[in-house]
Every structure is written in structure tokens, then in C-alpha cells.
Amino acid sequence: MLIGPHIVVYDDDRVTALGLAAVLGDAGYDNIETTSSSKIALAAIEQWDPIDLLVSDIVVPNGRQISPTASSIYVTGYASGPKERAMGWPILPKRFATRCLLRR
């Protein structure tokens, strides 16, 4: 039986998505949908509406606003710009320390 918050982890790089989910799983979270497919991520979000946390690559193919009521943590291989920082989004650069993810 899965307990705890509903978490969707999406990154178009499968290894990154699995790594993010592993960090969360090791921290005790067990209700995680992990995918490198934006279609599957959107389907999981719709199925679980509302989700509790979205951990997502900030550059999403065919991106759109996803679950605006969910808490979000974004990861990126690009430098975050002033627009993202001004919006107050938690943005973690890829290759971040696992404690940074868990602290967020």
C-alpha cells in the first residue's frame, strides 16, 4: 500500500528522473510516479489530481502549466534566469546534492 504525498517526478532524461525518484524513495517517500515521458507525467497528474509535489525538468517539450496547486521543484541543466528567480520557483541545477532536493 502506497502512503504519503503523491509525487510526480518528470525529466526527459530517464537516468535523471530515476535518480531523483531514488533520492526521494531513500528518504522514505513511496508514492512516486517517475517518468521521462511528458505524456505519462500529464496522465499521472490528471489521475492523481491533486498531486502534492511535482519535481520536473524546467524545459519540458510542449510544456504548459501543470497542476498549479501542487508544490513544485524544478531542475535544469541550464542557468536559471531572472524571470524564474523573480517568480520564486525553487530551481535546482542538475548535479545538485541530494540534501538540496530533500531540503526543498
N, C-alpha and C. Protein backbone atom coordinates (compact mmCIF):
# COMPACT_ATOMS: atom_id res chain seq x y z
N MET A 1 0.84 -1.17 0.00
CA MET A 1 0.00 0.00 0.00
C MET A 1 0.89 1.24 0.00
N LEU A 2 0.61 2.17 -0.92
CA LEU A 2 1.38 3.39 -1.00
C LEU A 2 0.78 4.43 -0.07
N ILE A 3 1.67 5.08 0.68
CA ILE A 3 1.22 6.12 1.59
C ILE A 3 2.04 7.38 1.34
N GLY A 4 1.64 8.44 1.96
CA GLY A 4 2.41 9.67 1.83
C GLY A 4 1.94 10.50 0.66
N PRO A 5 2.62 11.61 0.43
CA PRO A 5 2.20 12.53 -0.62
C PRO A 5 2.33 11.92 -2.00
N HIS A 6 1.45 12.33 -2.90
CA HIS A 6 1.55 11.93 -4.30
C HIS A 6 2.60 12.80 -4.96
N ILE A 7 3.65 12.18 -5.47
CA ILE A 7 4.76 12.90 -6.08
C ILE A 7 4.92 12.42 -7.52
N VAL A 8 5.02 13.36 -8.45
CA VAL A 8 5.34 13.04 -9.84
C VAL A 8 6.72 13.60 -10.13
N VAL A 9 7.61 12.72 -10.61
CA VAL A 9 8.96 13.11 -11.00
C VAL A 9 9.06 12.97 -12.51
N TYR A 10 9.36 14.10 -13.17
CA TYR A 10 9.49 14.09 -14.63
C TYR A 10 10.80 14.73 -15.04
N ASP A 11 11.52 14.04 -15.88
CA ASP A 11 12.67 14.61 -16.58
C ASP A 11 12.81 13.85 -17.88
N ASP A 12 13.06 14.58 -18.97
CA ASP A 12 13.16 13.89 -20.26
C ASP A 12 14.40 13.01 -20.33
N ASP A 13 15.34 13.18 -19.40
CA ASP A 13 16.48 12.28 -19.28
C ASP A 13 16.10 11.20 -18.26
N ARG A 14 15.91 9.99 -18.74
CA ARG A 14 15.42 8.89 -17.91
C ARG A 14 16.31 8.64 -16.69
N VAL A 15 17.62 8.72 -16.87
CA VAL A 15 18.55 8.48 -15.76
C VAL A 15 18.34 9.53 -14.67
N THR A 16 18.15 10.78 -15.06
CA THR A 16 17.92 11.85 -14.09
C THR A 16 16.60 11.62 -13.35
N ALA A 17 15.55 11.26 -14.10
CA ALA A 17 14.24 11.01 -13.47
C ALA A 17 14.34 9.88 -12.44
N LEU A 18 15.01 8.80 -12.81
CA LEU A 18 15.16 7.68 -11.89
C LEU A 18 16.01 8.06 -10.68
N GLY A 19 17.04 8.87 -10.90
CA GLY A 19 17.89 9.31 -9.80
C GLY A 19 17.14 10.18 -8.81
N LEU A 20 16.34 11.11 -9.32
CA LEU A 20 15.53 11.97 -8.45
C LEU A 20 14.55 11.13 -7.62
N ALA A 21 13.91 10.17 -8.28
CA ALA A 21 12.96 9.30 -7.58
C ALA A 21 13.67 8.44 -6.53
N ALA A 22 14.87 7.99 -6.84
CA ALA A 22 15.63 7.18 -5.88
C ALA A 22 15.96 7.98 -4.63
N VAL A 23 16.34 9.24 -4.81
CA VAL A 23 16.64 10.09 -3.66
C VAL A 23 15.40 10.22 -2.78
N LEU A 24 14.26 10.47 -3.40
CA LEU A 24 13.02 10.60 -2.64
C LEU A 24 12.63 9.27 -1.99
N GLY A 25 12.79 8.18 -2.72
CA GLY A 25 12.47 6.86 -2.17
C GLY A 25 13.35 6.52 -0.98
N ASP A 26 14.65 6.83 -1.08
CA ASP A 26 15.57 6.57 0.03
C ASP A 26 15.22 7.41 1.25
N ALA A 27 14.56 8.56 1.02
CA ALA A 27 14.16 9.42 2.13
C ALA A 27 12.82 8.99 2.73
N GLY A 28 12.22 7.92 2.18
CA GLY A 28 11.00 7.38 2.77
C GLY A 28 9.72 7.65 2.01
N TYR A 29 9.81 8.38 0.92
CA TYR A 29 8.61 8.62 0.11
C TYR A 29 8.38 7.42 -0.79
N ASP A 30 7.12 6.94 -0.86
CA ASP A 30 6.88 5.73 -1.64
C ASP A 30 5.75 5.87 -2.66
N ASN A 31 5.13 7.02 -2.74
CA ASN A 31 4.01 7.21 -3.66
C ASN A 31 4.47 8.11 -4.81
N ILE A 32 5.37 7.56 -5.63
CA ILE A 32 6.06 8.36 -6.65
C ILE A 32 5.80 7.77 -8.03
N GLU A 33 5.37 8.61 -8.94
CA GLU A 33 5.28 8.25 -10.37
C GLU A 33 6.50 8.89 -11.02
N THR A 34 7.31 8.07 -11.66
CA THR A 34 8.55 8.54 -12.28
C THR A 34 8.48 8.29 -13.77
N THR A 35 8.81 9.32 -14.56
CA THR A 35 8.72 9.15 -16.00
C THR A 35 9.65 10.10 -16.74
N SER A 36 10.03 9.71 -17.93
CA SER A 36 10.76 10.59 -18.84
C SER A 36 9.87 10.97 -20.02
N SER A 37 8.60 10.66 -19.91
CA SER A 37 7.61 10.98 -20.94
C SER A 37 6.67 12.06 -20.42
N SER A 38 6.60 13.19 -21.14
CA SER A 38 5.70 14.25 -20.71
C SER A 38 4.24 13.79 -20.75
N LYS A 39 3.89 12.93 -21.70
CA LYS A 39 2.52 12.42 -21.78
C LYS A 39 2.16 11.60 -20.54
N ILE A 40 3.07 10.76 -20.10
CA ILE A 40 2.82 9.94 -18.92
C ILE A 40 2.77 10.82 -17.68
N ALA A 41 3.64 11.83 -17.61
CA ALA A 41 3.62 12.75 -16.46
C ALA A 41 2.27 13.46 -16.39
N LEU A 42 1.80 13.95 -17.50
CA LEU A 42 0.50 14.64 -17.52
C LEU A 42 -0.64 13.70 -17.13
N ALA A 43 -0.58 12.46 -17.62
CA ALA A 43 -1.62 11.47 -17.29
C ALA A 43 -1.61 11.17 -15.79
N ALA A 44 -0.42 11.03 -15.20
CA ALA A 44 -0.33 10.76 -13.76
C ALA A 44 -0.88 11.93 -12.95
N ILE A 45 -0.58 13.14 -13.39
CA ILE A 45 -1.07 14.32 -12.69
C ILE A 45 -2.60 14.37 -12.77
N GLU A 46 -3.15 14.09 -13.92
CA GLU A 46 -4.61 14.09 -14.07
C GLU A 46 -5.25 12.98 -13.25
N GLN A 47 -4.62 11.80 -13.22
CA GLN A 47 -5.16 10.66 -12.47
C GLN A 47 -5.14 10.94 -10.97
N TRP A 48 -4.08 11.54 -10.49
CA TRP A 48 -3.91 11.76 -9.06
C TRP A 48 -4.43 13.12 -8.60
N ASP A 49 -5.02 13.90 -9.47
CA ASP A 49 -5.41 15.28 -9.16
C ASP A 49 -6.12 15.36 -7.83
N PRO A 50 -5.65 16.12 -6.86
CA PRO A 50 -4.44 16.92 -6.96
C PRO A 50 -3.21 16.12 -6.53
N ILE A 51 -2.07 16.47 -7.10
CA ILE A 51 -0.81 15.88 -6.63
C ILE A 51 -0.26 16.80 -5.56
N ASP A 52 0.67 16.27 -4.77
CA ASP A 52 1.24 17.06 -3.69
C ASP A 52 2.54 17.74 -4.09
N LEU A 53 3.31 17.07 -4.96
CA LEU A 53 4.61 17.63 -5.35
C LEU A 53 4.94 17.21 -6.77
N LEU A 54 5.40 18.17 -7.55
CA LEU A 54 5.92 17.91 -8.89
C LEU A 54 7.39 18.25 -8.87
N VAL A 55 8.23 17.28 -9.23
CA VAL A 55 9.66 17.52 -9.41
C VAL A 55 9.88 17.36 -10.91
N SER A 56 10.22 18.46 -11.57
CA SER A 56 10.22 18.45 -13.03
C SER A 56 11.40 19.20 -13.61
N ASP A 57 11.86 18.70 -14.74
CA ASP A 57 12.78 19.46 -15.56
C ASP A 57 12.06 20.75 -15.94
N ILE A 58 12.77 21.85 -15.94
CA ILE A 58 12.12 23.13 -16.25
C ILE A 58 11.88 23.28 -17.75
N VAL A 59 12.68 22.61 -18.56
CA VAL A 59 12.48 22.64 -20.02
C VAL A 59 11.71 21.39 -20.41
N VAL A 60 10.42 21.56 -20.67
CA VAL A 60 9.54 20.44 -20.96
C VAL A 60 9.03 20.56 -22.40
N PRO A 61 9.23 19.52 -23.22
CA PRO A 61 8.68 19.58 -24.58
C PRO A 61 7.18 19.81 -24.55
N ASN A 62 6.69 20.70 -25.40
CA ASN A 62 5.28 21.04 -25.44
C ASN A 62 4.77 21.44 -24.06
N GLY A 63 5.62 22.15 -23.33
CA GLY A 63 5.33 22.50 -21.95
C GLY A 63 4.08 23.35 -21.79
N ARG A 64 3.51 23.21 -20.64
CA ARG A 64 2.36 24.02 -20.25
C ARG A 64 2.30 24.05 -18.75
N GLN A 65 1.44 24.86 -18.21
CA GLN A 65 1.32 24.91 -16.76
C GLN A 65 0.70 23.60 -16.30
N ILE A 66 1.36 22.97 -15.35
CA ILE A 66 0.91 21.67 -14.86
C ILE A 66 0.53 21.81 -13.39
N SER A 67 -0.68 21.43 -13.07
CA SER A 67 -1.15 21.36 -11.69
C SER A 67 -0.71 22.58 -10.87
N PRO A 68 -1.30 23.74 -11.14
CA PRO A 68 -0.86 24.96 -10.47
C PRO A 68 -1.03 24.95 -8.96
N THR A 69 -1.81 24.03 -8.41
CA THR A 69 -1.98 23.98 -6.95
C THR A 69 -0.92 23.12 -6.27
N ALA A 70 -0.16 22.35 -7.03
CA ALA A 70 0.85 21.48 -6.44
C ALA A 70 2.11 22.27 -6.12
N SER A 71 2.80 21.86 -5.08
CA SER A 71 4.14 22.40 -4.84
C SER A 71 5.03 21.87 -5.95
N SER A 72 6.00 22.67 -6.36
CA SER A 72 6.86 22.27 -7.46
C SER A 72 8.31 22.55 -7.14
N ILE A 73 9.16 21.65 -7.59
CA ILE A 73 10.61 21.85 -7.56
C ILE A 73 11.06 21.60 -8.99
N TYR A 74 11.79 22.54 -9.53
CA TYR A 74 12.26 22.40 -10.91
C TYR A 74 13.75 22.14 -10.92
N VAL A 75 14.18 21.31 -11.85
CA VAL A 75 15.59 21.04 -12.06
C VAL A 75 15.93 21.44 -13.49
N THR A 76 17.17 21.87 -13.68
CA THR A 76 17.56 22.30 -15.02
C THR A 76 19.05 22.12 -15.24
N GLY A 77 19.39 21.84 -16.46
CA GLY A 77 20.78 21.80 -16.88
C GLY A 77 21.25 23.16 -17.38
N TYR A 78 20.32 24.11 -17.44
CA TYR A 78 20.60 25.47 -17.88
C TYR A 78 20.69 26.38 -16.67
N ALA A 79 21.33 27.53 -16.85
CA ALA A 79 21.36 28.53 -15.78
C ALA A 79 19.96 29.11 -15.64
N SER A 80 19.49 29.30 -14.41
CA SER A 80 18.18 29.91 -14.24
C SER A 80 18.33 31.42 -14.40
N GLY A 81 17.36 31.99 -15.07
CA GLY A 81 17.41 33.41 -15.36
C GLY A 81 16.65 34.23 -14.34
N PRO A 82 16.68 35.55 -14.52
CA PRO A 82 16.00 36.43 -13.57
C PRO A 82 14.49 36.22 -13.52
N LYS A 83 13.89 35.83 -14.66
CA LYS A 83 12.44 35.60 -14.68
C LYS A 83 12.07 34.47 -13.72
N GLU A 84 12.79 33.35 -13.80
CA GLU A 84 12.49 32.21 -12.92
C GLU A 84 12.75 32.56 -11.45
N ARG A 85 13.85 33.25 -11.20
CA ARG A 85 14.16 33.62 -9.81
C ARG A 85 13.12 34.60 -9.27
N ALA A 86 12.66 35.51 -10.11
CA ALA A 86 11.66 36.50 -9.67
C ALA A 86 10.34 35.85 -9.34
N MET A 87 10.02 34.73 -10.02
CA MET A 87 8.76 34.03 -9.76
C MET A 87 8.83 33.22 -8.47
N GLY A 88 10.01 33.09 -7.90
CA GLY A 88 10.15 32.39 -6.63
C GLY A 88 10.14 30.87 -6.76
N TRP A 89 10.35 30.37 -7.97
CA TRP A 89 10.38 28.92 -8.15
C TRP A 89 11.62 28.35 -7.52
N PRO A 90 11.49 27.23 -6.79
CA PRO A 90 12.69 26.54 -6.35
C PRO A 90 13.31 25.84 -7.55
N ILE A 91 14.49 26.27 -7.94
CA ILE A 91 15.17 25.70 -9.11
C ILE A 91 16.50 25.14 -8.66
N LEU A 92 16.70 23.85 -8.93
CA LEU A 92 17.96 23.19 -8.58
C LEU A 92 18.72 22.90 -9.87
N PRO A 93 20.00 23.26 -9.92
CA PRO A 93 20.79 22.88 -11.09
C PRO A 93 21.02 21.37 -11.07
N LYS A 94 21.02 20.76 -12.26
CA LYS A 94 21.31 19.32 -12.30
C LYS A 94 22.72 19.11 -11.77
N ARG A 95 22.92 17.95 -11.19
CA ARG A 95 24.12 17.58 -10.46
C ARG A 95 24.15 18.25 -9.09
N PHE A 96 22.97 18.49 -8.54
CA PHE A 96 22.86 19.06 -7.21
C PHE A 96 23.05 17.97 -6.17
N ALA A 97 23.37 18.40 -4.97
CA ALA A 97 23.50 17.45 -3.86
C ALA A 97 22.11 16.96 -3.46
N THR A 98 22.01 15.70 -3.10
CA THR A 98 20.71 15.13 -2.74
C THR A 98 20.09 15.86 -1.55
N ARG A 99 20.91 16.34 -0.65
CA ARG A 99 20.35 17.05 0.52
C ARG A 99 19.63 18.33 0.09
N CYS A 100 20.06 18.94 -1.04
CA CYS A 100 19.38 20.14 -1.54
C CYS A 100 17.95 19.80 -1.96
N LEU A 101 17.77 18.67 -2.63
CA LEU A 101 16.44 18.24 -3.05
C LEU A 101 15.57 17.98 -1.84
N LEU A 102 16.09 17.25 -0.88
CA LEU A 102 15.31 16.89 0.30
C LEU A 102 14.99 18.10 1.16
N ARG A 103 15.90 19.06 1.21
CA ARG A 103 15.65 20.28 1.99
C ARG A 103 14.51 21.09 1.38
N ARG A 104 14.43 21.09 0.05
CA ARG A 104 13.34 21.82 -0.63
C ARG A 104 12.01 21.14 -0.39
